[in-house]
Amino acid sequence: MQTQEITIRVSSDAAKVYESASHEERLKLDLLLSLKLGEVRKKKRPLEEIMSEISEKAQKRGLTPEILESILNEQ
């Protein structure tokens, strides 16, 4: 798969989580974002709608910024 670097704006908390992640974890996050952005193109749904849906599902399942950071810091 060919890749290209882009710049996106995220919350300060999200940026801290990404910056504190290991190289391997960053690759996983990059892939996840790439897949989600690919869904936007396929489904013709607005990116904001998809991101809101992801956020809602994560919150309903109990995911908080602290839990996400903890998961990313596991080895």
N, C-alpha and C. Protein backbone atom coordinates (compact mmCIF):
# COMPACT_ATOMS: atom_id res chain seq x y z
N MET A 1 0.85 -1.18 0.00
CA MET A 1 0.00 0.00 0.00
C MET A 1 0.89 1.24 0.00
N GLN A 2 0.61 2.12 -0.91
CA GLN A 2 1.36 3.37 -0.98
C GLN A 2 0.79 4.34 0.05
N THR A 3 1.66 5.07 0.74
CA THR A 3 1.19 6.01 1.75
C THR A 3 1.65 7.42 1.44
N GLN A 4 0.98 8.36 2.09
CA GLN A 4 1.32 9.78 1.94
C GLN A 4 1.07 10.44 3.28
N GLU A 5 1.97 11.31 3.68
CA GLU A 5 1.83 12.01 4.95
C GLU A 5 0.91 13.20 4.80
N ILE A 6 -0.01 13.38 5.80
CA ILE A 6 -0.91 14.52 5.82
C ILE A 6 -0.86 15.16 7.21
N THR A 7 -1.42 16.34 7.34
CA THR A 7 -1.52 17.00 8.63
C THR A 7 -2.99 17.17 8.96
N ILE A 8 -3.38 16.78 10.17
CA ILE A 8 -4.77 16.95 10.60
C ILE A 8 -4.79 17.63 11.96
N ARG A 9 -5.88 18.29 12.26
CA ARG A 9 -6.05 18.94 13.57
C ARG A 9 -6.88 18.01 14.45
N VAL A 10 -6.38 17.78 15.66
CA VAL A 10 -7.08 16.96 16.65
C VAL A 10 -7.05 17.68 17.99
N SER A 11 -7.79 17.16 18.95
CA SER A 11 -7.79 17.76 20.27
C SER A 11 -6.41 17.60 20.91
N SER A 12 -6.13 18.42 21.90
CA SER A 12 -4.85 18.34 22.61
C SER A 12 -4.67 16.96 23.23
N ASP A 13 -5.75 16.41 23.79
CA ASP A 13 -5.67 15.08 24.40
C ASP A 13 -5.32 14.02 23.37
N ALA A 14 -5.95 14.10 22.21
CA ALA A 14 -5.67 13.11 21.15
C ALA A 14 -4.22 13.24 20.69
N ALA A 15 -3.74 14.47 20.58
CA ALA A 15 -2.36 14.69 20.15
C ALA A 15 -1.38 14.10 21.17
N LYS A 16 -1.67 14.29 22.45
CA LYS A 16 -0.79 13.75 23.50
C LYS A 16 -0.75 12.23 23.45
N VAL A 17 -1.92 11.62 23.23
CA VAL A 17 -1.98 10.16 23.14
C VAL A 17 -1.13 9.68 21.97
N TYR A 18 -1.28 10.32 20.83
CA TYR A 18 -0.53 9.91 19.64
C TYR A 18 0.96 10.11 19.84
N GLU A 19 1.33 11.26 20.37
CA GLU A 19 2.75 11.57 20.56
C GLU A 19 3.42 10.64 21.58
N SER A 20 2.64 10.17 22.55
CA SER A 20 3.23 9.30 23.57
C SER A 20 3.22 7.82 23.16
N ALA A 21 2.58 7.53 22.04
CA ALA A 21 2.49 6.14 21.57
C ALA A 21 3.83 5.68 21.00
N SER A 22 4.06 4.38 21.09
CA SER A 22 5.27 3.80 20.49
C SER A 22 5.13 3.82 18.97
N HIS A 23 6.23 3.56 18.30
CA HIS A 23 6.22 3.53 16.84
C HIS A 23 5.18 2.53 16.32
N GLU A 24 5.16 1.36 16.93
CA GLU A 24 4.22 0.31 16.52
C GLU A 24 2.78 0.75 16.73
N GLU A 25 2.50 1.39 17.86
CA GLU A 25 1.15 1.86 18.15
C GLU A 25 0.74 2.97 17.19
N ARG A 26 1.69 3.84 16.83
CA ARG A 26 1.39 4.90 15.87
C ARG A 26 1.04 4.31 14.50
N LEU A 27 1.74 3.27 14.11
CA LEU A 27 1.43 2.62 12.84
C LEU A 27 0.01 2.07 12.85
N LYS A 28 -0.39 1.49 13.98
CA LYS A 28 -1.75 0.96 14.10
C LYS A 28 -2.78 2.09 14.03
N LEU A 29 -2.51 3.20 14.72
CA LEU A 29 -3.42 4.35 14.68
C LEU A 29 -3.49 4.93 13.28
N ASP A 30 -2.35 5.01 12.60
CA ASP A 30 -2.32 5.51 11.23
C ASP A 30 -3.19 4.63 10.33
N LEU A 31 -3.07 3.33 10.48
CA LEU A 31 -3.85 2.40 9.67
C LEU A 31 -5.34 2.55 9.98
N LEU A 32 -5.68 2.66 11.25
CA LEU A 32 -7.08 2.82 11.63
C LEU A 32 -7.67 4.08 11.00
N LEU A 33 -6.95 5.19 11.09
CA LEU A 33 -7.43 6.43 10.50
C LEU A 33 -7.54 6.30 8.98
N SER A 34 -6.58 5.67 8.36
CA SER A 34 -6.61 5.47 6.92
C SER A 34 -7.84 4.66 6.50
N LEU A 35 -8.13 3.61 7.26
CA LEU A 35 -9.31 2.79 6.96
C LEU A 35 -10.60 3.58 7.12
N LYS A 36 -10.68 4.36 8.18
CA LYS A 36 -11.88 5.16 8.42
C LYS A 36 -12.06 6.22 7.34
N LEU A 37 -10.98 6.85 6.92
CA LEU A 37 -11.07 7.84 5.85
C LEU A 37 -11.48 7.17 4.54
N GLY A 38 -11.03 5.95 4.34
CA GLY A 38 -11.44 5.19 3.16
C GLY A 38 -12.93 4.91 3.16
N GLU A 39 -13.50 4.71 4.35
CA GLU A 39 -14.95 4.49 4.45
C GLU A 39 -15.72 5.72 3.99
N VAL A 40 -15.19 6.89 4.25
CA VAL A 40 -15.85 8.12 3.84
C VAL A 40 -16.03 8.12 2.33
N ARG A 41 -14.99 7.76 1.64
CA ARG A 41 -15.04 7.75 0.18
C ARG A 41 -16.03 6.70 -0.32
N LYS A 42 -16.01 5.52 0.29
CA LYS A 42 -16.87 4.43 -0.17
C LYS A 42 -18.34 4.68 0.14
N LYS A 43 -18.62 5.16 1.33
CA LYS A 43 -20.00 5.31 1.76
C LYS A 43 -20.59 6.67 1.40
N LYS A 44 -19.75 7.58 0.98
CA LYS A 44 -20.18 8.93 0.65
C LYS A 44 -20.85 9.61 1.84
N ARG A 45 -20.40 9.23 3.04
CA ARG A 45 -20.89 9.87 4.26
C ARG A 45 -19.92 10.97 4.65
N PRO A 46 -20.44 12.04 5.21
CA PRO A 46 -19.54 13.11 5.66
C PRO A 46 -18.59 12.61 6.75
N LEU A 47 -17.35 13.06 6.68
CA LEU A 47 -16.35 12.66 7.66
C LEU A 47 -16.81 12.97 9.08
N GLU A 48 -17.42 14.12 9.29
CA GLU A 48 -17.89 14.49 10.63
C GLU A 48 -18.88 13.47 11.16
N GLU A 49 -19.74 12.97 10.30
CA GLU A 49 -20.74 11.98 10.71
C GLU A 49 -20.06 10.69 11.16
N ILE A 50 -19.07 10.24 10.40
CA ILE A 50 -18.35 9.02 10.75
C ILE A 50 -17.59 9.20 12.05
N MET A 51 -16.91 10.35 12.18
CA MET A 51 -16.13 10.60 13.40
C MET A 51 -17.04 10.68 14.62
N SER A 52 -18.19 11.31 14.48
CA SER A 52 -19.15 11.39 15.59
C SER A 52 -19.65 10.00 15.98
N GLU A 53 -19.91 9.19 14.97
CA GLU A 53 -20.36 7.82 15.23
C GLU A 53 -19.30 7.02 15.97
N ILE A 54 -18.06 7.13 15.56
CA ILE A 54 -16.96 6.43 16.22
C ILE A 54 -16.85 6.89 17.67
N SER A 55 -16.90 8.19 17.87
CA SER A 55 -16.79 8.76 19.21
C SER A 55 -17.93 8.29 20.10
N GLU A 56 -19.16 8.33 19.56
CA GLU A 56 -20.33 7.88 20.32
C GLU A 56 -20.20 6.42 20.74
N LYS A 57 -19.83 5.57 19.80
CA LYS A 57 -19.69 4.15 20.10
C LYS A 57 -18.62 3.91 21.17
N ALA A 58 -17.51 4.61 21.04
CA ALA A 58 -16.42 4.45 22.00
C ALA A 58 -16.87 4.90 23.39
N GLN A 59 -17.57 6.01 23.47
CA GLN A 59 -18.04 6.52 24.76
C GLN A 59 -19.08 5.58 25.38
N LYS A 60 -19.98 5.06 24.55
CA LYS A 60 -21.00 4.11 25.05
C LYS A 60 -20.35 2.85 25.61
N ARG A 61 -19.23 2.49 25.03
CA ARG A 61 -18.50 1.30 25.50
C ARG A 61 -17.57 1.61 26.66
N GLY A 62 -17.60 2.88 27.10
CA GLY A 62 -16.83 3.26 28.29
C GLY A 62 -15.43 3.77 28.02
N LEU A 63 -15.10 4.02 26.76
CA LEU A 63 -13.76 4.50 26.45
C LEU A 63 -13.63 5.98 26.82
N THR A 64 -12.64 6.28 27.61
CA THR A 64 -12.33 7.66 27.98
C THR A 64 -10.93 7.98 27.47
N PRO A 65 -10.54 9.26 27.43
CA PRO A 65 -9.18 9.58 27.00
C PRO A 65 -8.13 8.88 27.88
N GLU A 66 -8.43 8.75 29.16
CA GLU A 66 -7.49 8.10 30.08
C GLU A 66 -7.35 6.62 29.76
N ILE A 67 -8.47 5.97 29.48
CA ILE A 67 -8.42 4.53 29.15
C ILE A 67 -7.68 4.33 27.84
N LEU A 68 -7.97 5.18 26.85
CA LEU A 68 -7.28 5.06 25.57
C LEU A 68 -5.77 5.22 25.75
N GLU A 69 -5.37 6.20 26.53
CA GLU A 69 -3.94 6.41 26.78
C GLU A 69 -3.34 5.20 27.47
N SER A 70 -4.07 4.62 28.43
CA SER A 70 -3.59 3.43 29.13
C SER A 70 -3.41 2.27 28.16
N ILE A 71 -4.37 2.09 27.28
CA ILE A 71 -4.28 1.00 26.29
C ILE A 71 -3.08 1.20 25.39
N LEU A 72 -2.89 2.42 24.94
CA LEU A 72 -1.77 2.68 24.05
C LEU A 72 -0.41 2.56 24.73
N ASN A 73 -0.41 2.71 26.07
CA ASN A 73 0.84 2.61 26.80
C ASN A 73 1.16 1.18 27.25
N GLU A 74 0.22 0.24 27.03
CA GLU A 74 0.48 -1.15 27.38
C GLU A 74 1.54 -1.71 26.45
N GLN A 75 2.29 -2.66 26.96
CA GLN A 75 3.33 -3.26 26.13
C GLN A 75 3.13 -4.72 25.94
